[in-house]
């Protein structure tokens, strides 16, 4: 669903957007950086566009939205969904040369 609207005041615009049951995305067109910053903080939407018509989801964004826009049973999509369902593992390896016969706890130096 796409709704396009105009409001007389900033506060009225925020109230209009935040009153909607869905919160997938919202956008504002402004030349005022302060208004853009307030909008980013005040609007209840999962994707926010500043001077772009529709905040379109791409693969590296979580696009489940907020409020009733959530999808699936876990409500997570994109990179956050992958990270949630996986466990990271860091591996540190060192392979000694063929002439080393005993374990050592120090780093060898090149001659």
PDB file of N, CA and C in Angstrom:
ATOM      1  N   UNK A   1       0.844  -1.155   0.000  1.00  0.00           N
ATOM      2  CA  UNK A   1       0.000   0.000   0.000  1.00  0.00           C
ATOM      3  C   UNK A   1       0.897   1.228   0.000  1.00  0.00           C
ATOM      4  N   UNK A   2       0.601   2.185  -0.847  1.00  0.00           N
ATOM      5  CA  UNK A   2       1.340   3.439  -0.902  1.00  0.00           C
ATOM      6  C   UNK A   2       0.368   4.573  -0.647  1.00  0.00           C
ATOM      7  N   UNK A   3       0.685   5.378   0.328  1.00  0.00           N
ATOM      8  CA  UNK A   3      -0.121   6.549   0.637  1.00  0.00           C
ATOM      9  C   UNK A   3       0.728   7.782   0.420  1.00  0.00           C
ATOM     10  N   UNK A   4       0.203   8.731  -0.313  1.00  0.00           N
ATOM     11  CA  UNK A   4       0.885  10.005  -0.518  1.00  0.00           C
ATOM     12  C   UNK A   4      -0.001  11.074   0.099  1.00  0.00           C
ATOM     13  N   UNK A   5       0.583  11.877   0.967  1.00  0.00           N
ATOM     14  CA  UNK A   5      -0.210  12.890   1.633  1.00  0.00           C
ATOM     15  C   UNK A   5       0.585  14.146   1.896  1.00  0.00           C
ATOM     16  N   UNK A   6      -0.121  15.200   2.185  1.00  0.00           N
ATOM     17  CA  UNK A   6       0.500  16.471   2.553  1.00  0.00           C
ATOM     18  C   UNK A   6      -0.075  16.894   3.896  1.00  0.00           C
ATOM     19  N   UNK A   7       0.734  17.581   4.658  1.00  0.00           N
ATOM     20  CA  UNK A   7       0.303  18.039   5.978  1.00  0.00           C
ATOM     21  C   UNK A   7       0.674  19.504   6.133  1.00  0.00           C
ATOM     22  N   UNK A   8      -0.088  20.211   6.947  1.00  0.00           N
ATOM     23  CA  UNK A   8       0.155  21.640   7.155  1.00  0.00           C
ATOM     24  C   UNK A   8       1.377  21.883   8.031  1.00  0.00           C
ATOM     25  N   UNK A   9       1.656  20.964   8.956  1.00  0.00           N
ATOM     26  CA  UNK A   9       2.791  21.136   9.862  1.00  0.00           C
ATOM     27  C   UNK A   9       3.587  19.837   9.939  1.00  0.00           C
ATOM     28  N   UNK A  10       4.804  19.942  10.423  1.00  0.00           N
ATOM     29  CA  UNK A  10       5.645  18.762  10.618  1.00  0.00           C
ATOM     30  C   UNK A  10       4.986  17.807  11.606  1.00  0.00           C
ATOM     31  N   UNK A  11       4.495  18.329  12.705  1.00  0.00           N
ATOM     32  CA  UNK A  11       3.868  17.501  13.734  1.00  0.00           C
ATOM     33  C   UNK A  11       2.665  16.744  13.176  1.00  0.00           C
ATOM     34  N   UNK A  12       1.879  17.413  12.333  1.00  0.00           N
ATOM     35  CA  UNK A  12       0.725  16.768  11.703  1.00  0.00           C
ATOM     36  C   UNK A  12       1.180  15.634  10.772  1.00  0.00           C
ATOM     37  N   UNK A  13       2.260  15.846  10.052  1.00  0.00           N
ATOM     38  CA  UNK A  13       2.786  14.818   9.146  1.00  0.00           C
ATOM     39  C   UNK A  13       3.256  13.592   9.924  1.00  0.00           C
ATOM     40  N   UNK A  14       3.989  13.810  10.998  1.00  0.00           N
ATOM     41  CA  UNK A  14       4.467  12.689  11.819  1.00  0.00           C
ATOM     42  C   UNK A  14       3.284  11.932  12.415  1.00  0.00           C
ATOM     43  N   UNK A  15       2.292  12.648  12.917  1.00  0.00           N
ATOM     44  CA  UNK A  15       1.109  12.002  13.490  1.00  0.00           C
ATOM     45  C   UNK A  15       0.378  11.181  12.432  1.00  0.00           C
ATOM     46  N   UNK A  16       0.286  11.691  11.206  1.00  0.00           N
ATOM     47  CA  UNK A  16      -0.384  10.988  10.116  1.00  0.00           C
ATOM     48  C   UNK A  16       0.339   9.678   9.786  1.00  0.00           C
ATOM     49  N   UNK A  17       1.654   9.741   9.660  1.00  0.00           N
ATOM     50  CA  UNK A  17       2.437   8.539   9.342  1.00  0.00           C
ATOM     51  C   UNK A  17       2.382   7.539  10.491  1.00  0.00           C
ATOM     52  N   UNK A  18       2.611   7.998  11.698  1.00  0.00           N
ATOM     53  CA  UNK A  18       2.693   7.094  12.847  1.00  0.00           C
ATOM     54  C   UNK A  18       1.348   6.484  13.233  1.00  0.00           C
ATOM     55  N   UNK A  19       0.242   7.078  12.787  1.00  0.00           N
ATOM     56  CA  UNK A  19      -1.086   6.540  13.084  1.00  0.00           C
ATOM     57  C   UNK A  19      -1.437   5.352  12.191  1.00  0.00           C
ATOM     58  N   UNK A  20      -0.693   5.126  11.128  1.00  0.00           N
ATOM     59  CA  UNK A  20      -0.967   4.024  10.208  1.00  0.00           C
ATOM     60  C   UNK A  20      -0.620   2.683  10.862  1.00  0.00           C
ATOM     61  N   UNK A  21      -1.382   1.632  10.559  1.00  0.00           N
ATOM     62  CA  UNK A  21      -1.084   0.328  11.158  1.00  0.00           C
ATOM     63  C   UNK A  21       0.177  -0.325  10.588  1.00  0.00           C
ATOM     64  N   UNK A  22       0.600   0.112   9.414  1.00  0.00           N
ATOM     65  CA  UNK A  22       1.789  -0.456   8.794  1.00  0.00           C
ATOM     66  C   UNK A  22       2.947   0.515   8.943  1.00  0.00           C
ATOM     67  N   UNK A  23       4.146  -0.022   8.983  1.00  0.00           N
ATOM     68  CA  UNK A  23       5.317   0.836   9.151  1.00  0.00           C
ATOM     69  C   UNK A  23       6.481   0.362   8.308  1.00  0.00           C
ATOM     70  N   UNK A  24       6.213  -0.003   7.055  1.00  0.00           N
ATOM     71  CA  UNK A  24       7.281  -0.512   6.210  1.00  0.00           C
ATOM     72  C   UNK A  24       8.243   0.588   5.791  1.00  0.00           C
ATOM     73  N   UNK A  25       7.733   1.704   5.307  1.00  0.00           N
ATOM     74  CA  UNK A  25       8.621   2.779   4.877  1.00  0.00           C
ATOM     75  C   UNK A  25       7.917   4.116   4.865  1.00  0.00           C
ATOM     76  N   UNK A  26       8.692   5.178   4.984  1.00  0.00           N
ATOM     77  CA  UNK A  26       8.180   6.542   4.920  1.00  0.00           C
ATOM     78  C   UNK A  26       9.261   7.424   4.327  1.00  0.00           C
ATOM     79  N   UNK A  27       8.843   8.483   3.650  1.00  0.00           N
ATOM     80  CA  UNK A  27       9.804   9.386   3.023  1.00  0.00           C
ATOM     81  C   UNK A  27       9.396  10.830   3.262  1.00  0.00           C
ATOM     82  N   UNK A  28      10.389  11.701   3.240  1.00  0.00           N
ATOM     83  CA  UNK A  28      10.159  13.136   3.379  1.00  0.00           C
ATOM     84  C   UNK A  28      11.012  13.856   2.338  1.00  0.00           C
ATOM     85  N   UNK A  29      10.476  14.942   1.812  1.00  0.00           N
ATOM     86  CA  UNK A  29      11.220  15.797   0.892  1.00  0.00           C
ATOM     87  C   UNK A  29      11.428  17.138   1.575  1.00  0.00           C
ATOM     88  N   UNK A  30      12.665  17.506   1.779  1.00  0.00           N
ATOM     89  CA  UNK A  30      12.981  18.746   2.481  1.00  0.00           C
ATOM     90  C   UNK A  30      14.364  19.234   2.088  1.00  0.00           C
ATOM     91  N   UNK A  31      14.595  20.520   2.265  1.00  0.00           N
ATOM     92  CA  UNK A  31      15.938  21.085   2.086  1.00  0.00           C
ATOM     93  C   UNK A  31      16.553  21.432   3.433  1.00  0.00           C
ATOM     94  N   UNK A  32      15.829  21.129   4.492  1.00  0.00           N
ATOM     95  CA  UNK A  32      16.255  21.470   5.846  1.00  0.00           C
ATOM     96  C   UNK A  32      16.836  20.232   6.533  1.00  0.00           C
ATOM     97  N   UNK A  33      18.122  20.257   6.816  1.00  0.00           N
ATOM     98  CA  UNK A  33      18.777  19.126   7.466  1.00  0.00           C
ATOM     99  C   UNK A  33      18.226  18.829   8.845  1.00  0.00           C
ATOM    100  N   UNK A  34      17.835  19.866   9.581  1.00  0.00           N
ATOM    101  CA  UNK A  34      17.263  19.665  10.912  1.00  0.00           C
ATOM    102  C   UNK A  34      15.941  18.923  10.849  1.00  0.00           C
ATOM    103  N   UNK A  35      15.113  19.280   9.876  1.00  0.00           N
ATOM    104  CA  UNK A  35      13.836  18.589   9.702  1.00  0.00           C
ATOM    105  C   UNK A  35      14.068  17.136   9.305  1.00  0.00           C
ATOM    106  N   UNK A  36      15.039  16.900   8.431  1.00  0.00           N
ATOM    107  CA  UNK A  36      15.358  15.528   8.023  1.00  0.00           C
ATOM    108  C   UNK A  36      15.805  14.705   9.225  1.00  0.00           C
ATOM    109  N   UNK A  37      16.643  15.299  10.070  1.00  0.00           N
ATOM    110  CA  UNK A  37      17.120  14.583  11.258  1.00  0.00           C
ATOM    111  C   UNK A  37      15.967  14.268  12.207  1.00  0.00           C
ATOM    112  N   UNK A  38      15.089  15.228  12.435  1.00  0.00           N
ATOM    113  CA  UNK A  38      13.928  14.988  13.299  1.00  0.00           C
ATOM    114  C   UNK A  38      13.053  13.873  12.734  1.00  0.00           C
ATOM    115  N   UNK A  39      12.849  13.904  11.408  1.00  0.00           N
ATOM    116  CA  UNK A  39      12.014  12.900  10.757  1.00  0.00           C
ATOM    117  C   UNK A  39      12.588  11.502  10.960  1.00  0.00           C
ATOM    118  N   UNK A  40      13.891  11.357  10.778  1.00  0.00           N
ATOM    119  CA  UNK A  40      14.537  10.049  10.960  1.00  0.00           C
ATOM    120  C   UNK A  40      14.298   9.506  12.362  1.00  0.00           C
ATOM    121  N   UNK A  41      14.312  10.378  13.344  1.00  0.00           N
ATOM    122  CA  UNK A  41      14.139   9.962  14.737  1.00  0.00           C
ATOM    123  C   UNK A  41      12.673   9.756  15.121  1.00  0.00           C
ATOM    124  N   UNK A  42      11.780  10.566  14.558  1.00  0.00           N
ATOM    125  CA  UNK A  42      10.379  10.569  14.989  1.00  0.00           C
ATOM    126  C   UNK A  42       9.480   9.574  14.258  1.00  0.00           C
ATOM    127  N   UNK A  43       9.776   9.281  12.996  1.00  0.00           N
ATOM    128  CA  UNK A  43       8.870   8.457  12.198  1.00  0.00           C
ATOM    129  C   UNK A  43       8.987   6.986  12.603  1.00  0.00           C
ATOM    130  N   UNK A  44       7.839   6.310  12.656  1.00  0.00           N
ATOM    131  CA  UNK A  44       7.797   4.893  13.031  1.00  0.00           C
ATOM    132  C   UNK A  44       7.696   4.045  11.766  1.00  0.00           C
ATOM    133  N   UNK A  45       8.850   3.816  11.139  1.00  0.00           N
ATOM    134  CA  UNK A  45       8.910   3.018   9.912  1.00  0.00           C
ATOM    135  C   UNK A  45      10.254   2.313   9.849  1.00  0.00           C
ATOM    136  N   UNK A  46      10.265   1.144   9.257  1.00  0.00           N
ATOM    137  CA  UNK A  46      11.487   0.363   9.163  1.00  0.00           C
ATOM    138  C   UNK A  46      12.477   0.883   8.137  1.00  0.00           C
ATOM    139  N   UNK A  47      11.995   1.545   7.085  1.00  0.00           N
ATOM    140  CA  UNK A  47      12.861   2.158   6.075  1.00  0.00           C
ATOM    141  C   UNK A  47      12.454   3.614   5.941  1.00  0.00           C
ATOM    142  N   UNK A  48      13.432   4.494   5.946  1.00  0.00           N
ATOM    143  CA  UNK A  48      13.167   5.926   5.874  1.00  0.00           C
ATOM    144  C   UNK A  48      13.907   6.502   4.681  1.00  0.00           C
ATOM    145  N   UNK A  49      13.196   7.251   3.860  1.00  0.00           N
ATOM    146  CA  UNK A  49      13.801   7.922   2.715  1.00  0.00           C
ATOM    147  C   UNK A  49      13.848   9.420   2.956  1.00  0.00           C
ATOM    148  N   UNK A  50      14.992  10.014   2.683  1.00  0.00           N
ATOM    149  CA  UNK A  50      15.138  11.468   2.746  1.00  0.00           C
ATOM    150  C   UNK A  50      15.387  11.943   1.318  1.00  0.00           C
ATOM    151  N   UNK A  51      14.449  12.675   0.775  1.00  0.00           N
ATOM    152  CA  UNK A  51      14.516  13.191  -0.594  1.00  0.00           C
ATOM    153  C   UNK A  51      14.615  12.091  -1.645  1.00  0.00           C
ATOM    154  N   UNK A  52      14.080  10.932  -1.353  1.00  0.00           N
ATOM    155  CA  UNK A  52      13.897   9.855  -2.333  1.00  0.00           C
ATOM    156  C   UNK A  52      12.440   9.422  -2.254  1.00  0.00           C
ATOM    157  N   UNK A  53      11.810   9.103  -3.393  1.00  0.00           N
ATOM    158  CA  UNK A  53      10.360   8.886  -3.388  1.00  0.00           C
ATOM    159  C   UNK A  53       9.895   7.683  -2.582  1.00  0.00           C
ATOM    160  N   UNK A  54      10.553   6.557  -2.707  1.00  0.00           N
ATOM    161  CA  UNK A  54      10.141   5.360  -1.980  1.00  0.00           C
ATOM    162  C   UNK A  54      11.400   4.670  -1.479  1.00  0.00           C
ATOM    163  N   UNK A  55      11.522   4.439  -0.176  1.00  0.00           N
ATOM    164  CA  UNK A  55      12.691   3.714   0.322  1.00  0.00           C
ATOM    165  C   UNK A  55      12.595   2.243  -0.079  1.00  0.00           C
ATOM    166  N   UNK A  56      13.176   1.909  -1.216  1.00  0.00           N
ATOM    167  CA  UNK A  56      13.068   0.572  -1.786  1.00  0.00           C
ATOM    168  C   UNK A  56      14.016  -0.399  -1.101  1.00  0.00           C
ATOM    169  N   UNK A  57      13.524  -1.563  -0.680  1.00  0.00           N
ATOM    170  CA  UNK A  57      14.418  -2.532  -0.041  1.00  0.00           C
ATOM    171  C   UNK A  57      15.373  -3.162  -1.046  1.00  0.00           C
ATOM    172  N   UNK A  58      16.592  -3.316  -0.638  1.00  0.00           N
ATOM    173  CA  UNK A  58      17.576  -4.058  -1.413  1.00  0.00           C
ATOM    174  C   UNK A  58      18.089  -5.183  -0.526  1.00  0.00           C
ATOM    175  N   UNK A  59      18.845  -6.094  -1.088  1.00  0.00           N
ATOM    176  CA  UNK A  59      19.209  -7.328  -0.387  1.00  0.00           C
ATOM    177  C   UNK A  59      19.894  -7.104   0.948  1.00  0.00           C
ATOM    178  N   UNK A  60      20.678  -6.041   1.092  1.00  0.00           N
ATOM    179  CA  UNK A  60      21.421  -5.864   2.332  1.00  0.00           C
ATOM    180  C   UNK A  60      20.657  -5.070   3.384  1.00  0.00           C
ATOM    181  N   UNK A  61      19.388  -4.739   3.151  1.00  0.00           N
ATOM    182  CA  UNK A  61      18.558  -4.097   4.169  1.00  0.00           C
ATOM    183  C   UNK A  61      17.637  -5.138   4.794  1.00  0.00           C
ATOM    184  N   UNK A  62      17.312  -4.943   6.052  1.00  0.00           N
ATOM    185  CA  UNK A  62      16.265  -5.734   6.674  1.00  0.00           C
ATOM    186  C   UNK A  62      14.943  -5.096   6.263  1.00  0.00           C
ATOM    187  N   UNK A  63      14.097  -5.822   5.553  1.00  0.00           N
ATOM    188  CA  UNK A  63      12.918  -5.195   4.962  1.00  0.00           C
ATOM    189  C   UNK A  63      11.602  -5.688   5.544  1.00  0.00           C
ATOM    190  N   UNK A  64      11.599  -6.197   6.742  1.00  0.00           N
ATOM    191  CA  UNK A  64      10.362  -6.667   7.338  1.00  0.00           C
ATOM    192  C   UNK A  64       9.429  -5.553   7.761  1.00  0.00           C
ATOM    193  N   UNK A  65       9.940  -4.352   7.908  1.00  0.00           N
ATOM    194  CA  UNK A  65       9.114  -3.237   8.316  1.00  0.00           C
ATOM    195  C   UNK A  65       8.846  -3.224   9.814  1.00  0.00           C
ATOM    196  N   UNK A  66       8.007  -2.309  10.219  1.00  0.00           N
ATOM    197  CA  UNK A  66       7.603  -2.179  11.611  1.00  0.00           C
ATOM    198  C   UNK A  66       6.095  -2.380  11.693  1.00  0.00           C
ATOM    199  N   UNK A  67       5.594  -2.472  12.883  1.00  0.00           N
ATOM    200  CA  UNK A  67       4.165  -2.596  13.181  1.00  0.00           C
ATOM    201  C   UNK A  67       3.571  -3.776  12.407  1.00  0.00           C
ATOM    202  N   UNK A  68       2.428  -3.592  11.731  1.00  0.00           N
ATOM    203  CA  UNK A  68       1.768  -4.698  11.027  1.00  0.00           C
ATOM    204  C   UNK A  68       2.420  -5.047   9.693  1.00  0.00           C
ATOM    205  N   UNK A  69       3.532  -4.419   9.352  1.00  0.00           N
ATOM    206  CA  UNK A  69       4.242  -4.745   8.112  1.00  0.00           C
ATOM    207  C   UNK A  69       5.158  -5.944   8.270  1.00  0.00           C
ATOM    208  N   UNK A  70       5.303  -6.459   9.474  1.00  0.00           N
ATOM    209  CA  UNK A  70       6.225  -7.567   9.718  1.00  0.00           C
ATOM    210  C   UNK A  70       5.808  -8.802   8.939  1.00  0.00           C
ATOM    211  N   UNK A  71       6.798  -9.578   8.493  1.00  0.00           N
ATOM    212  CA  UNK A  71       6.554 -10.776   7.702  1.00  0.00           C
ATOM    213  C   UNK A  71       7.100 -12.002   8.419  1.00  0.00           C
ATOM    214  N   UNK A  72       6.461 -13.139   8.244  1.00  0.00           N
ATOM    215  CA  UNK A  72       6.979 -14.388   8.791  1.00  0.00           C
ATOM    216  C   UNK A  72       6.797 -14.501  10.296  1.00  0.00           C
ATOM    217  N   UNK A  73       7.250 -15.623  10.853  1.00  0.00           N
ATOM    218  CA  UNK A  73       7.068 -15.828  12.288  1.00  0.00           C
ATOM    219  C   UNK A  73       8.176 -15.211  13.122  1.00  0.00           C
ATOM    220  N   UNK A  74       9.357 -14.990  12.537  1.00  0.00           N
ATOM    221  CA  UNK A  74      10.442 -14.372  13.303  1.00  0.00           C
ATOM    222  C   UNK A  74      10.579 -12.887  13.006  1.00  0.00           C
ATOM    223  N   UNK A  75       9.926 -12.399  11.979  1.00  0.00           N
ATOM    224  CA  UNK A  75       9.898 -10.972  11.629  1.00  0.00           C
ATOM    225  C   UNK A  75      11.270 -10.403  11.307  1.00  0.00           C
ATOM    226  N   UNK A  76      12.187 -11.219  10.842  1.00  0.00           N
ATOM    227  CA  UNK A  76      13.498 -10.702  10.474  1.00  0.00           C
ATOM    228  C   UNK A  76      13.845 -11.155   9.070  1.00  0.00           C
ATOM    229  N   UNK A  77      14.425 -10.256   8.316  1.00  0.00           N
ATOM    230  CA  UNK A  77      14.799 -10.531   6.938  1.00  0.00           C
ATOM    231  C   UNK A  77      16.132  -9.854   6.671  1.00  0.00           C
ATOM    232  N   UNK A  78      16.743 -10.169   5.574  1.00  0.00           N
ATOM    233  CA  UNK A  78      18.011  -9.534   5.228  1.00  0.00           C
ATOM    234  C   UNK A  78      19.147 -10.026   6.108  1.00  0.00           C
ATOM    235  N   UNK A  79      20.214  -9.245   6.232  1.00  0.00           N
ATOM    236  CA  UNK A  79      21.398  -9.669   6.989  1.00  0.00           C
ATOM    237  C   UNK A  79      21.111 -10.013   8.448  1.00  0.00           C
ATOM    238  N   UNK A  80      20.179  -9.300   9.084  1.00  0.00           N
ATOM    239  CA  UNK A  80      19.879  -9.587  10.482  1.00  0.00           C
ATOM    240  C   UNK A  80      19.325 -10.996  10.640  1.00  0.00           C
ATOM    241  N   UNK A  81      18.512 -11.447   9.691  1.00  0.00           N
ATOM    242  CA  UNK A  81      17.971 -12.793   9.739  1.00  0.00           C
ATOM    243  C   UNK A  81      19.048 -13.850   9.612  1.00  0.00           C
ATOM    244  N   UNK A  82      20.016 -13.602   8.746  1.00  0.00           N
ATOM    245  CA  UNK A  82      21.121 -14.554   8.587  1.00  0.00           C
ATOM    246  C   UNK A  82      21.972 -14.580   9.846  1.00  0.00           C
ATOM    247  N   UNK A  83      22.320 -13.421  10.377  1.00  0.00           N
ATOM    248  CA  UNK A  83      23.148 -13.371  11.588  1.00  0.00           C
ATOM    249  C   UNK A  83      22.441 -14.016  12.781  1.00  0.00           C
ATOM    250  N   UNK A  84      21.129 -13.835  12.876  1.00  0.00           N
ATOM    251  CA  UNK A  84      20.374 -14.399  13.988  1.00  0.00           C
ATOM    252  C   UNK A  84      20.424 -15.929  13.975  1.00  0.00           C
ATOM    253  N   UNK A  85      20.422 -16.515  12.798  1.00  0.00           N
ATOM    254  CA  UNK A  85      20.349 -17.975  12.669  1.00  0.00           C
ATOM    255  C   UNK A  85      21.709 -18.640  12.499  1.00  0.00           C
ATOM    256  N   UNK A  86      22.787 -17.924  12.684  1.00  0.00           N
ATOM    257  CA  UNK A  86      24.118 -18.511  12.527  1.00  0.00           C
ATOM    258  C   UNK A  86      24.981 -18.194  13.735  1.00  0.00           C
ATOM    259  N   UNK A  87      26.089 -18.903  13.843  1.00  0.00           N
ATOM    260  CA  UNK A  87      27.070 -18.647  14.892  1.00  0.00           C
ATOM    261  C   UNK A  87      28.401 -18.378  14.223  1.00  0.00           C
ATOM    262  N   UNK A  88      29.018 -17.283  14.584  1.00  0.00           N
ATOM    263  CA  UNK A  88      30.318 -16.934  14.009  1.00  0.00           C
ATOM    264  C   UNK A  88      31.411 -17.749  14.683  1.00  0.00           C
ATOM    265  N   UNK A  89      32.456 -18.020  13.940  1.00  0.00           N
ATOM    266  CA  UNK A  89      33.595 -18.756  14.483  1.00  0.00           C
ATOM    267  C   UNK A  89      34.860 -18.136  13.910  1.00  0.00           C
ATOM    268  N   UNK A  90      35.809 -17.809  14.782  1.00  0.00           N
ATOM    269  CA  UNK A  90      37.104 -17.271  14.348  1.00  0.00           C
ATOM    270  C   UNK A  90      38.140 -18.383  14.453  1.00  0.00           C
ATOM    271  N   UNK A  91      38.898 -18.590  13.396  1.00  0.00           N
ATOM    272  CA  UNK A  91      39.926 -19.632  13.362  1.00  0.00           C
ATOM    273  C   UNK A  91      41.281 -18.957  13.186  1.00  0.00           C
ATOM    274  N   UNK A  92      42.229 -19.311  14.052  1.00  0.00           N
ATOM    275  CA  UNK A  92      43.613 -18.860  13.913  1.00  0.00           C
ATOM    276  C   UNK A  92      44.465 -20.103  13.733  1.00  0.00           C
ATOM    277  N   UNK A  93      45.268 -20.148  12.665  1.00  0.00           N
ATOM    278  CA  UNK A  93      46.082 -21.327  12.384  1.00  0.00           C
ATOM    279  C   UNK A  93      47.528 -20.939  12.128  1.00  0.00           C
ATOM    280  N   UNK A  94      48.393 -21.890  12.388  1.00  0.00           N
ATOM    281  CA  UNK A  94      49.809 -21.737  12.055  1.00  0.00           C
ATOM    282  C   UNK A  94      50.318 -23.113  11.683  1.00  0.00           C
ATOM    283  N   UNK A  95      50.934 -23.248  10.543  1.00  0.00           N
ATOM    284  CA  UNK A  95      51.440 -24.528  10.076  1.00  0.00           C
ATOM    285  C   UNK A  95      52.957 -24.482  10.083  1.00  0.00           C
ATOM    286  N   UNK A  96      53.585 -25.218  11.020  1.00  0.00           N
ATOM    287  CA  UNK A  96      55.050 -25.207  11.080  1.00  0.00           C
ATOM    288  C   UNK A  96      55.653 -25.936   9.880  1.00  0.00           C
ATOM    289  N   UNK A  97      56.906 -25.600   9.597  1.00  0.00           N
ATOM    290  CA  UNK A  97      57.615 -26.264   8.503  1.00  0.00           C
ATOM    291  C   UNK A  97      57.834 -27.743   8.795  1.00  0.00           C
ATOM    292  N   UNK A  98      58.233 -28.510   7.797  1.00  0.00           N
ATOM    293  CA  UNK A  98      58.410 -29.959   7.916  1.00  0.00           C
ATOM    294  C   UNK A  98      59.536 -30.346   8.872  1.00  0.00           C
ATOM    295  N   UNK A  99      60.475 -29.428   9.185  1.00  0.00           N
ATOM    296  CA  UNK A  99      61.604 -29.770  10.055  1.00  0.00           C
ATOM    297  C   UNK A  99      61.274 -29.642  11.528  1.00  0.00           C
ATOM    298  N   UNK A 100      60.147 -29.085  11.894  1.00  0.00           N
ATOM    299  CA  UNK A 100      59.773 -28.917  13.300  1.00  0.00           C
ATOM    300  C   UNK A 100      59.146 -30.218  13.797  1.00  0.00           C
ATOM    301  N   UNK A 101      59.670 -30.751  14.919  1.00  0.00           N
ATOM    302  CA  UNK A 101      59.175 -32.025  15.440  1.00  0.00           C
ATOM    303  C   UNK A 101      58.486 -31.881  16.794  1.00  0.00           C
ATOM    304  N   UNK A 102      58.582 -30.725  17.437  1.00  0.00           N
ATOM    305  CA  UNK A 102      57.981 -30.541  18.758  1.00  0.00           C
ATOM    306  C   UNK A 102      57.053 -29.333  18.723  1.00  0.00           C
ATOM    307  N   UNK A 103      56.067 -29.339  19.593  1.00  0.00           N
ATOM    308  CA  UNK A 103      55.158 -28.202  19.689  1.00  0.00           C
ATOM    309  C   UNK A 103      55.885 -27.023  20.311  1.00  0.00           C
ATOM    310  N   UNK A 104      55.615 -25.838  19.813  1.00  0.00           N
ATOM    311  CA  UNK A 104      56.209 -24.628  20.367  1.00  0.00           C
ATOM    312  C   UNK A 104      55.121 -23.587  20.559  1.00  0.00           C
ATOM    313  N   UNK A 105      55.253 -22.776  21.583  1.00  0.00           N
ATOM    314  CA  UNK A 105      54.264 -21.744  21.867  1.00  0.00           C
ATOM    315  C   UNK A 105      54.738 -20.365  21.427  1.00  0.00           C
ATOM    316  N   UNK A 106      55.836 -20.282  20.724  1.00  0.00           N
ATOM    317  CA  UNK A 106      56.342 -18.992  20.247  1.00  0.00           C
ATOM    318  C   UNK A 106      56.245 -18.950  18.731  1.00  0.00           C
ATOM    319  N   UNK A 107      56.286 -17.737  18.200  1.00  0.00           N
ATOM    320  CA  UNK A 107      56.257 -17.567  16.756  1.00  0.00           C
ATOM    321  C   UNK A 107      57.672 -17.677  16.212  1.00  0.00           C
ATOM    322  N   UNK A 108      57.823 -18.461  15.175  1.00  0.00           N
ATOM    323  CA  UNK A 108      59.143 -18.623  14.573  1.00  0.00           C
ATOM    324  C   UNK A 108      59.516 -17.374  13.801  1.00  0.00           C
ATOM    325  N   UNK A 109      60.804 -17.089  13.756  1.00  0.00           N
ATOM    326  CA  UNK A 109      61.300 -15.939  12.997  1.00  0.00           C
ATOM    327  C   UNK A 109      62.007 -16.444  11.758  1.00  0.00           C
ATOM    328  N   UNK A 110      61.815 -15.695  10.690  1.00  0.00           N
ATOM    329  CA  UNK A 110      62.506 -16.033   9.449  1.00  0.00           C
ATOM    330  C   UNK A 110      63.981 -15.722   9.597  1.00  0.00           C
ATOM    331  N   UNK A 111      64.863 -16.561   9.055  1.00  0.00           N
ATOM    332  CA  UNK A 111      66.311 -16.329   9.143  1.00  0.00           C
ATOM    333  C   UNK A 111      66.766 -15.363   8.082  1.00  0.00           C
TER     334      UNK A 111
END
